[in-house]
Amino acid sequence: MTDLHEAFVQAQADVKTLAERPDNQTLLQLYALYKQASDGDVSGERPGMMDFVNRAKYDAWDALKGTSASEAQQRYIDLVKNLLA
């Protein structure tokens, strides 16, 4: 495994130890960066208007379309570091 991947896995563990739950916008950012780093560009149909949570998740992930896995991993790591500071 590369150093970046190891740091990404560590950041996933670190985010679970946060003293306070991040706000919803930050949680969406974490979700989208994780999905982009793990699965690549968003796929499937956008959830319907009444499915607010999943639609927000889809839109956040879709906004990262074209971002490389390594860039998404680094941005995830940086965000978690900021949250821990």
N, C-alpha and C. Protein backbone atom coordinates (compact mmCIF):
# COMPACT_ATOMS: atom_id res chain seq x y z
N MET A 1 0.84 -1.19 0.00
CA MET A 1 0.00 0.00 0.00
C MET A 1 0.88 1.25 0.00
N THR A 2 0.39 2.28 -0.62
CA THR A 2 1.14 3.52 -0.67
C THR A 2 0.95 4.32 0.61
N ASP A 3 1.82 5.27 0.80
CA ASP A 3 1.71 6.15 1.98
C ASP A 3 0.39 6.92 1.97
N LEU A 4 -0.02 7.36 0.77
CA LEU A 4 -1.28 8.12 0.66
C LEU A 4 -2.45 7.23 1.08
N HIS A 5 -2.47 6.01 0.59
CA HIS A 5 -3.57 5.11 0.94
C HIS A 5 -3.58 4.81 2.44
N GLU A 6 -2.41 4.61 3.01
CA GLU A 6 -2.33 4.35 4.45
C GLU A 6 -2.83 5.56 5.25
N ALA A 7 -2.46 6.76 4.80
CA ALA A 7 -2.93 7.97 5.47
C ALA A 7 -4.45 8.13 5.33
N PHE A 8 -4.97 7.72 4.17
CA PHE A 8 -6.42 7.77 3.92
C PHE A 8 -7.15 6.82 4.86
N VAL A 9 -6.64 5.62 5.02
CA VAL A 9 -7.24 4.64 5.93
C VAL A 9 -7.16 5.16 7.37
N GLN A 10 -6.03 5.78 7.73
CA GLN A 10 -5.89 6.33 9.08
C GLN A 10 -6.88 7.47 9.30
N ALA A 11 -7.08 8.31 8.29
CA ALA A 11 -8.02 9.42 8.40
C ALA A 11 -9.45 8.90 8.60
N GLN A 12 -9.78 7.78 7.96
CA GLN A 12 -11.09 7.17 8.14
C GLN A 12 -11.29 6.74 9.59
N ALA A 13 -10.23 6.23 10.20
CA ALA A 13 -10.31 5.83 11.61
C ALA A 13 -10.36 7.07 12.51
N ASP A 14 -9.56 8.08 12.17
CA ASP A 14 -9.49 9.30 12.98
C ASP A 14 -10.82 10.05 13.01
N VAL A 15 -11.53 10.05 11.90
CA VAL A 15 -12.78 10.81 11.83
C VAL A 15 -13.81 10.25 12.81
N LYS A 16 -13.68 8.99 13.14
CA LYS A 16 -14.62 8.37 14.09
C LYS A 16 -14.33 8.76 15.53
N THR A 17 -13.19 9.41 15.77
CA THR A 17 -12.80 9.79 17.13
C THR A 17 -12.99 11.27 17.40
N LEU A 18 -13.65 11.98 16.50
CA LEU A 18 -13.84 13.42 16.68
C LEU A 18 -14.62 13.69 17.96
N ALA A 19 -14.24 14.74 18.67
CA ALA A 19 -14.91 15.11 19.91
C ALA A 19 -16.34 15.58 19.65
N GLU A 20 -16.53 16.28 18.54
CA GLU A 20 -17.86 16.80 18.18
C GLU A 20 -18.24 16.32 16.79
N ARG A 21 -19.52 16.12 16.59
CA ARG A 21 -20.02 15.73 15.27
C ARG A 21 -19.93 16.95 14.35
N PRO A 22 -19.33 16.79 13.16
CA PRO A 22 -19.24 17.92 12.22
C PRO A 22 -20.63 18.35 11.75
N ASP A 23 -20.71 19.57 11.23
CA ASP A 23 -21.98 20.05 10.69
C ASP A 23 -22.32 19.26 9.42
N ASN A 24 -23.55 19.39 8.98
CA ASN A 24 -24.04 18.59 7.85
C ASN A 24 -23.25 18.85 6.57
N GLN A 25 -22.86 20.08 6.31
CA GLN A 25 -22.10 20.40 5.10
C GLN A 25 -20.75 19.68 5.11
N THR A 26 -20.10 19.65 6.26
CA THR A 26 -18.82 18.96 6.39
C THR A 26 -19.00 17.46 6.24
N LEU A 27 -20.08 16.92 6.81
CA LEU A 27 -20.36 15.50 6.66
C LEU A 27 -20.58 15.14 5.19
N LEU A 28 -21.28 16.00 4.46
CA LEU A 28 -21.47 15.76 3.03
C LEU A 28 -20.14 15.79 2.28
N GLN A 29 -19.28 16.71 2.66
CA GLN A 29 -17.97 16.81 2.04
C GLN A 29 -17.15 15.55 2.31
N LEU A 30 -17.16 15.08 3.55
CA LEU A 30 -16.45 13.86 3.90
C LEU A 30 -17.00 12.67 3.09
N TYR A 31 -18.31 12.57 3.03
CA TYR A 31 -18.96 11.48 2.29
C TYR A 31 -18.54 11.51 0.82
N ALA A 32 -18.66 12.69 0.21
CA ALA A 32 -18.37 12.81 -1.22
C ALA A 32 -16.90 12.50 -1.52
N LEU A 33 -16.00 13.01 -0.70
CA LEU A 33 -14.58 12.74 -0.91
C LEU A 33 -14.28 11.25 -0.73
N TYR A 34 -14.88 10.63 0.28
CA TYR A 34 -14.68 9.20 0.51
C TYR A 34 -15.17 8.40 -0.70
N LYS A 35 -16.38 8.70 -1.17
CA LYS A 35 -16.95 7.96 -2.30
C LYS A 35 -16.12 8.17 -3.56
N GLN A 36 -15.67 9.40 -3.80
CA GLN A 36 -14.88 9.67 -4.99
C GLN A 36 -13.55 8.93 -4.92
N ALA A 37 -12.93 8.90 -3.75
CA ALA A 37 -11.66 8.21 -3.56
C ALA A 37 -11.82 6.70 -3.68
N SER A 38 -12.94 6.18 -3.22
CA SER A 38 -13.16 4.73 -3.19
C SER A 38 -13.79 4.18 -4.46
N ASP A 39 -14.79 4.89 -4.99
CA ASP A 39 -15.58 4.36 -6.10
C ASP A 39 -15.43 5.11 -7.41
N GLY A 40 -14.78 6.27 -7.40
CA GLY A 40 -14.67 7.07 -8.63
C GLY A 40 -15.91 7.92 -8.83
N ASP A 41 -16.13 8.32 -10.07
CA ASP A 41 -17.25 9.21 -10.38
C ASP A 41 -18.58 8.58 -10.01
N VAL A 42 -19.52 9.46 -9.65
CA VAL A 42 -20.86 9.04 -9.26
C VAL A 42 -21.53 8.26 -10.39
N SER A 43 -22.34 7.28 -10.01
CA SER A 43 -23.06 6.50 -11.01
C SER A 43 -24.49 6.33 -10.53
N GLY A 44 -25.34 5.89 -11.43
CA GLY A 44 -26.74 5.69 -11.08
C GLY A 44 -27.54 6.96 -11.26
N GLU A 45 -28.82 6.83 -11.03
CA GLU A 45 -29.72 7.96 -11.19
C GLU A 45 -29.76 8.81 -9.93
N ARG A 46 -29.98 10.09 -10.14
CA ARG A 46 -30.11 11.03 -9.02
C ARG A 46 -31.41 10.72 -8.28
N PRO A 47 -31.35 10.60 -6.94
CA PRO A 47 -32.58 10.32 -6.18
C PRO A 47 -33.64 11.40 -6.37
N GLY A 48 -34.88 11.01 -6.14
CA GLY A 48 -36.01 11.92 -6.33
C GLY A 48 -36.02 13.08 -5.35
N MET A 49 -36.87 14.05 -5.63
CA MET A 49 -36.93 15.29 -4.85
C MET A 49 -37.27 15.06 -3.38
N MET A 50 -38.04 14.04 -3.09
CA MET A 50 -38.47 13.82 -1.71
C MET A 50 -37.45 13.04 -0.88
N ASP A 51 -36.43 12.53 -1.53
CA ASP A 51 -35.36 11.80 -0.85
C ASP A 51 -34.22 12.78 -0.58
N PHE A 52 -34.45 13.68 0.37
CA PHE A 52 -33.55 14.80 0.60
C PHE A 52 -32.12 14.39 0.93
N VAL A 53 -31.97 13.44 1.82
CA VAL A 53 -30.64 13.05 2.29
C VAL A 53 -29.83 12.43 1.15
N ASN A 54 -30.41 11.43 0.50
CA ASN A 54 -29.67 10.76 -0.56
C ASN A 54 -29.45 11.65 -1.77
N ARG A 55 -30.36 12.58 -2.00
CA ARG A 55 -30.17 13.53 -3.10
C ARG A 55 -29.01 14.47 -2.78
N ALA A 56 -28.91 14.92 -1.54
CA ALA A 56 -27.80 15.80 -1.14
C ALA A 56 -26.47 15.05 -1.24
N LYS A 57 -26.46 13.79 -0.82
CA LYS A 57 -25.25 12.97 -0.93
C LYS A 57 -24.84 12.81 -2.40
N TYR A 58 -25.81 12.49 -3.24
CA TYR A 58 -25.56 12.31 -4.67
C TYR A 58 -24.98 13.60 -5.27
N ASP A 59 -25.60 14.73 -4.95
CA ASP A 59 -25.16 16.01 -5.51
C ASP A 59 -23.74 16.36 -5.05
N ALA A 60 -23.44 16.10 -3.77
CA ALA A 60 -22.11 16.39 -3.25
C ALA A 60 -21.06 15.53 -3.96
N TRP A 61 -21.38 14.27 -4.16
CA TRP A 61 -20.46 13.36 -4.84
C TRP A 61 -20.33 13.75 -6.31
N ASP A 62 -21.45 14.10 -6.95
CA ASP A 62 -21.45 14.50 -8.36
C ASP A 62 -20.59 15.73 -8.60
N ALA A 63 -20.53 16.62 -7.61
CA ALA A 63 -19.72 17.84 -7.74
C ALA A 63 -18.23 17.52 -7.86
N LEU A 64 -17.83 16.34 -7.47
CA LEU A 64 -16.42 15.94 -7.54
C LEU A 64 -16.09 15.14 -8.79
N LYS A 65 -17.04 15.04 -9.71
CA LYS A 65 -16.85 14.26 -10.93
C LYS A 65 -15.56 14.70 -11.63
N GLY A 66 -14.73 13.74 -11.99
CA GLY A 66 -13.48 14.03 -12.67
C GLY A 66 -12.28 14.17 -11.74
N THR A 67 -12.53 14.22 -10.43
CA THR A 67 -11.45 14.31 -9.45
C THR A 67 -10.80 12.93 -9.33
N SER A 68 -9.48 12.90 -9.38
CA SER A 68 -8.78 11.62 -9.28
C SER A 68 -8.92 11.04 -7.88
N ALA A 69 -8.75 9.74 -7.78
CA ALA A 69 -8.84 9.06 -6.49
C ALA A 69 -7.77 9.59 -5.53
N SER A 70 -6.57 9.80 -6.02
CA SER A 70 -5.49 10.27 -5.15
C SER A 70 -5.75 11.69 -4.65
N GLU A 71 -6.31 12.54 -5.51
CA GLU A 71 -6.64 13.90 -5.08
C GLU A 71 -7.76 13.88 -4.04
N ALA A 72 -8.77 13.04 -4.27
CA ALA A 72 -9.87 12.93 -3.32
C ALA A 72 -9.37 12.39 -1.98
N GLN A 73 -8.47 11.43 -2.01
CA GLN A 73 -7.91 10.90 -0.77
C GLN A 73 -7.16 11.99 -0.02
N GLN A 74 -6.35 12.77 -0.73
CA GLN A 74 -5.58 13.83 -0.08
C GLN A 74 -6.50 14.90 0.51
N ARG A 75 -7.54 15.27 -0.22
CA ARG A 75 -8.48 16.27 0.30
C ARG A 75 -9.23 15.74 1.52
N TYR A 76 -9.57 14.46 1.53
CA TYR A 76 -10.22 13.83 2.68
C TYR A 76 -9.28 13.89 3.89
N ILE A 77 -8.03 13.51 3.69
CA ILE A 77 -7.03 13.53 4.76
C ILE A 77 -6.89 14.94 5.32
N ASP A 78 -6.78 15.91 4.43
CA ASP A 78 -6.62 17.31 4.87
C ASP A 78 -7.82 17.80 5.66
N LEU A 79 -9.01 17.43 5.22
CA LEU A 79 -10.24 17.84 5.91
C LEU A 79 -10.29 17.22 7.32
N VAL A 80 -9.96 15.95 7.41
CA VAL A 80 -9.96 15.30 8.73
C VAL A 80 -8.93 15.94 9.65
N LYS A 81 -7.75 16.25 9.12
CA LYS A 81 -6.72 16.91 9.93
C LYS A 81 -7.23 18.25 10.46
N ASN A 82 -7.93 19.00 9.62
CA ASN A 82 -8.49 20.28 10.05
C ASN A 82 -9.54 20.10 11.15
N LEU A 83 -10.32 19.05 11.04
CA LEU A 83 -11.35 18.77 12.03
C LEU A 83 -10.74 18.35 13.36
N LEU A 84 -9.60 17.68 13.31
CA LEU A 84 -8.93 17.23 14.53
C LEU A 84 -8.18 18.36 15.22
N ALA A 85 -7.83 19.39 14.48
CA ALA A 85 -7.03 20.49 15.04
C ALA A 85 -7.81 21.33 16.02
